[in-house]
Amino acid sequence: MSRQQPGMVVALLIGLLVGLIATGLVVADTVRRGLPARTQAGWIGFVALVSIGGSLAAPLIDSVFYRLALAVEPTAVTVTPLQMFATRIGLRLTLSAVAVLAYGIGSRYGPFKSAAERGRQPSSQQEKVN
């Protein structure tokens, strides 16, 4: 077992934990807002796929980037273990943050806004009549 593998395992576990926390936040928010079950499932699935799936796919991405770097520059590419660990953790945190931000913006302002949320806006036709 090489020295880099324990760091990779720790980064993977941290990424999975962050992904679970991000997914849990989306679950809590969709329930709090009373979104329809189909909308809840869609957003929860999206965040889980991006944050947890991205954490699981990151080791494959690392391997692909390393091979591409060697194809461009055949000399060895070296980084310290701390740099590699920080990069892996940063990638996983970024994926989860982007997924939660996409949910937050898309579910409130975008074209994926739920019908229940559309009816609550003051600019709806019902409130203009009253």
C-alpha atoms as a PDB file:
ATOM      1  CA  MET A   1       0.000   0.000   0.000  1.00  0.00           C
ATOM      2  CA  SER A   2       1.503   3.307  -1.039  1.00  0.00           C
ATOM      3  CA  ARG A   3       1.547   6.469   1.042  1.00  0.00           C
ATOM      4  CA  GLN A   4      -0.993   8.212  -1.207  1.00  0.00           C
ATOM      5  CA  GLN A   5      -3.750   5.612  -0.810  1.00  0.00           C
ATOM      6  CA  PRO A   6      -4.631   6.411   2.838  1.00  0.00           C
ATOM      7  CA  GLY A   7      -4.992  10.076   1.866  1.00  0.00           C
ATOM      8  CA  MET A   8      -7.205   9.086  -1.049  1.00  0.00           C
ATOM      9  CA  VAL A   9      -9.413   6.980   1.232  1.00  0.00           C
ATOM     10  CA  VAL A  10      -9.719   9.806   3.764  1.00  0.00           C
ATOM     11  CA  ALA A  11     -10.550  12.291   0.989  1.00  0.00           C
ATOM     12  CA  LEU A  12     -13.157   9.879  -0.385  1.00  0.00           C
ATOM     13  CA  LEU A  13     -14.756   9.451   3.044  1.00  0.00           C
ATOM     14  CA  ILE A  14     -14.782  13.208   3.658  1.00  0.00           C
ATOM     15  CA  GLY A  15     -16.306  13.745   0.211  1.00  0.00           C
ATOM     16  CA  LEU A  16     -19.021  11.187   0.896  1.00  0.00           C
ATOM     17  CA  LEU A  17     -19.762  12.787   4.270  1.00  0.00           C
ATOM     18  CA  VAL A  18     -20.001  16.251   2.704  1.00  0.00           C
ATOM     19  CA  GLY A  19     -22.237  14.832  -0.038  1.00  0.00           C
ATOM     20  CA  LEU A  20     -24.536  13.251   2.528  1.00  0.00           C
ATOM     21  CA  ILE A  21     -24.717  16.515   4.471  1.00  0.00           C
ATOM     22  CA  ALA A  22     -25.506  18.471   1.286  1.00  0.00           C
ATOM     23  CA  THR A  23     -28.198  15.970   0.328  1.00  0.00           C
ATOM     24  CA  GLY A  24     -29.623  16.121   3.855  1.00  0.00           C
ATOM     25  CA  LEU A  25     -29.839  19.909   3.647  1.00  0.00           C
ATOM     26  CA  VAL A  26     -31.760  19.673   0.396  1.00  0.00           C
ATOM     27  CA  VAL A  27     -34.109  17.036   1.882  1.00  0.00           C
ATOM     28  CA  ALA A  28     -34.807  19.262   4.882  1.00  0.00           C
ATOM     29  CA  ASP A  29     -35.393  22.335   2.711  1.00  0.00           C
ATOM     30  CA  THR A  30     -37.699  20.620   0.232  1.00  0.00           C
ATOM     31  CA  VAL A  31     -39.794  19.205   3.081  1.00  0.00           C
ATOM     32  CA  ARG A  32     -39.859  22.580   4.868  1.00  0.00           C
ATOM     33  CA  ARG A  33     -41.008  24.336   1.713  1.00  0.00           C
ATOM     34  CA  GLY A  34     -43.666  21.709   1.037  1.00  0.00           C
ATOM     35  CA  LEU A  35     -42.565  20.988  -2.514  1.00  0.00           C
ATOM     36  CA  PRO A  36     -44.425  18.246  -4.390  1.00  0.00           C
ATOM     37  CA  ALA A  37     -42.991  14.744  -3.988  1.00  0.00           C
ATOM     38  CA  ARG A  38     -41.862  14.564  -7.604  1.00  0.00           C
ATOM     39  CA  THR A  39     -40.027  17.880  -7.349  1.00  0.00           C
ATOM     40  CA  GLN A  40     -38.436  16.804  -4.061  1.00  0.00           C
ATOM     41  CA  ALA A  41     -37.232  13.545  -5.586  1.00  0.00           C
ATOM     42  CA  GLY A  42     -35.788  15.354  -8.603  1.00  0.00           C
ATOM     43  CA  TRP A  43     -33.795  17.890  -6.610  1.00  0.00           C
ATOM     44  CA  ILE A  44     -32.660  15.379  -3.998  1.00  0.00           C
ATOM     45  CA  GLY A  45     -31.555  12.986  -6.732  1.00  0.00           C
ATOM     46  CA  PHE A  46     -29.719  15.752  -8.566  1.00  0.00           C
ATOM     47  CA  VAL A  47     -27.785  16.890  -5.496  1.00  0.00           C
ATOM     48  CA  ALA A  48     -27.003  13.309  -4.459  1.00  0.00           C
ATOM     49  CA  LEU A  49     -25.817  12.417  -7.954  1.00  0.00           C
ATOM     50  CA  VAL A  50     -23.569  15.455  -8.312  1.00  0.00           C
ATOM     51  CA  SER A  51     -22.097  15.560  -4.801  1.00  0.00           C
ATOM     52  CA  ILE A  52     -21.889  11.868  -3.893  1.00  0.00           C
ATOM     53  CA  GLY A  53     -21.414  10.608  -7.447  1.00  0.00           C
ATOM     54  CA  GLY A  54     -18.789  13.256  -8.080  1.00  0.00           C
ATOM     55  CA  SER A  55     -16.911  12.189  -4.971  1.00  0.00           C
ATOM     56  CA  LEU A  56     -16.889   8.613  -6.181  1.00  0.00           C
ATOM     57  CA  ALA A  57     -15.829   9.621  -9.703  1.00  0.00           C
ATOM     58  CA  ALA A  58     -13.026  11.922  -8.532  1.00  0.00           C
ATOM     59  CA  PRO A  59     -10.378   9.141  -8.307  1.00  0.00           C
ATOM     60  CA  LEU A  60     -11.088   8.270 -11.944  1.00  0.00           C
ATOM     61  CA  ILE A  61     -10.784  11.925 -12.896  1.00  0.00           C
ATOM     62  CA  ASP A  62      -7.451  12.111 -11.035  1.00  0.00           C
ATOM     63  CA  SER A  63      -6.160   9.187 -13.071  1.00  0.00           C
ATOM     64  CA  VAL A  64      -7.303  10.699 -16.372  1.00  0.00           C
ATOM     65  CA  PHE A  65      -5.735  14.092 -15.600  1.00  0.00           C
ATOM     66  CA  TYR A  66      -2.473  12.423 -14.577  1.00  0.00           C
ATOM     67  CA  ARG A  67      -2.319  10.473 -17.853  1.00  0.00           C
ATOM     68  CA  LEU A  68      -3.091  13.607 -19.853  1.00  0.00           C
ATOM     69  CA  ALA A  69      -0.377  15.511 -18.008  1.00  0.00           C
ATOM     70  CA  LEU A  70       2.141  12.759 -18.794  1.00  0.00           C
ATOM     71  CA  ALA A  71       1.087  12.775 -22.460  1.00  0.00           C
ATOM     72  CA  VAL A  72       1.762  16.507 -22.708  1.00  0.00           C
ATOM     73  CA  GLU A  73       4.928  16.540 -20.597  1.00  0.00           C
ATOM     74  CA  PRO A  74       6.629  13.146 -20.237  1.00  0.00           C
ATOM     75  CA  THR A  75       8.619  14.183 -17.168  1.00  0.00           C
ATOM     76  CA  ALA A  76       7.229  13.206 -13.815  1.00  0.00           C
ATOM     77  CA  VAL A  77       4.630  15.470 -12.254  1.00  0.00           C
ATOM     78  CA  THR A  78       5.156  15.729  -8.518  1.00  0.00           C
ATOM     79  CA  VAL A  79       3.153  17.328  -5.767  1.00  0.00           C
ATOM     80  CA  THR A  80       3.337  17.034  -2.024  1.00  0.00           C
ATOM     81  CA  PRO A  81       0.842  14.734  -0.278  1.00  0.00           C
ATOM     82  CA  LEU A  82      -0.729  17.769   1.380  1.00  0.00           C
ATOM     83  CA  GLN A  83      -1.284  19.461  -1.997  1.00  0.00           C
ATOM     84  CA  MET A  84      -2.868  16.322  -3.415  1.00  0.00           C
ATOM     85  CA  PHE A  85      -5.103  15.879  -0.357  1.00  0.00           C
ATOM     86  CA  ALA A  86      -6.164  19.540  -0.397  1.00  0.00           C
ATOM     87  CA  THR A  87      -6.949  19.340  -4.121  1.00  0.00           C
ATOM     88  CA  ARG A  88      -9.074  16.237  -3.657  1.00  0.00           C
ATOM     89  CA  ILE A  89     -10.978  17.723  -0.726  1.00  0.00           C
ATOM     90  CA  GLY A  90     -11.411  21.018  -2.579  1.00  0.00           C
ATOM     91  CA  LEU A  91     -12.855  19.230  -5.614  1.00  0.00           C
ATOM     92  CA  ARG A  92     -15.379  17.355  -3.486  1.00  0.00           C
ATOM     93  CA  LEU A  93     -16.412  20.463  -1.535  1.00  0.00           C
ATOM     94  CA  THR A  94     -16.783  22.417  -4.768  1.00  0.00           C
ATOM     95  CA  LEU A  95     -18.994  19.740  -6.335  1.00  0.00           C
ATOM     96  CA  SER A  96     -21.290  19.696  -3.309  1.00  0.00           C
ATOM     97  CA  ALA A  97     -21.439  23.489  -3.084  1.00  0.00           C
ATOM     98  CA  VAL A  98     -22.275  23.829  -6.776  1.00  0.00           C
ATOM     99  CA  ALA A  99     -25.019  21.192  -6.467  1.00  0.00           C
ATOM    100  CA  VAL A 100     -26.617  22.911  -3.463  1.00  0.00           C
ATOM    101  CA  LEU A 101     -26.368  26.337  -5.126  1.00  0.00           C
ATOM    102  CA  ALA A 102     -27.946  24.959  -8.298  1.00  0.00           C
ATOM    103  CA  TYR A 103     -30.800  23.587  -6.194  1.00  0.00           C
ATOM    104  CA  GLY A 104     -31.196  26.833  -4.248  1.00  0.00           C
ATOM    105  CA  ILE A 105     -31.296  29.034  -7.326  1.00  0.00           C
ATOM    106  CA  GLY A 106     -33.065  26.645  -9.679  1.00  0.00           C
ATOM    107  CA  SER A 107     -35.849  25.681  -7.319  1.00  0.00           C
ATOM    108  CA  ARG A 108     -36.682  29.286  -6.445  1.00  0.00           C
ATOM    109  CA  TYR A 109     -35.977  31.381  -9.541  1.00  0.00           C
ATOM    110  CA  GLY A 110     -35.314  29.150 -12.521  1.00  0.00           C
ATOM    111  CA  PRO A 111     -37.505  27.289 -14.982  1.00  0.00           C
ATOM    112  CA  PHE A 112     -37.643  24.347 -12.548  1.00  0.00           C
ATOM    113  CA  LYS A 113     -39.505  26.395  -9.955  1.00  0.00           C
ATOM    114  CA  SER A 114     -42.357  24.354  -8.508  1.00  0.00           C
ATOM    115  CA  ALA A 115     -45.994  25.196  -9.193  1.00  0.00           C
ATOM    116  CA  ALA A 116     -46.569  25.581  -5.443  1.00  0.00           C
ATOM    117  CA  GLU A 117     -43.878  28.269  -5.303  1.00  0.00           C
ATOM    118  CA  ARG A 118     -45.276  30.075  -8.369  1.00  0.00           C
ATOM    119  CA  GLY A 119     -48.677  30.451  -6.706  1.00  0.00           C
ATOM    120  CA  ARG A 120     -47.165  32.227  -3.673  1.00  0.00           C
ATOM    121  CA  GLN A 121     -45.723  35.158  -5.585  1.00  0.00           C
ATOM    122  CA  PRO A 122     -47.404  38.535  -5.091  1.00  0.00           C
ATOM    123  CA  SER A 123     -47.384  39.109  -8.843  1.00  0.00           C
ATOM    124  CA  SER A 124     -49.759  36.205  -9.490  1.00  0.00           C
ATOM    125  CA  GLN A 125     -53.101  36.879 -11.138  1.00  0.00           C
ATOM    126  CA  GLN A 126     -55.089  35.912  -8.022  1.00  0.00           C
ATOM    127  CA  GLU A 127     -53.544  38.610  -5.841  1.00  0.00           C
ATOM    128  CA  LYS A 128     -53.904  41.294  -8.523  1.00  0.00           C
ATOM    129  CA  VAL A 129     -57.659  40.669  -8.627  1.00  0.00           C
ATOM    130  CA  ASN A 130     -58.022  40.879  -4.821  1.00  0.00           C
END
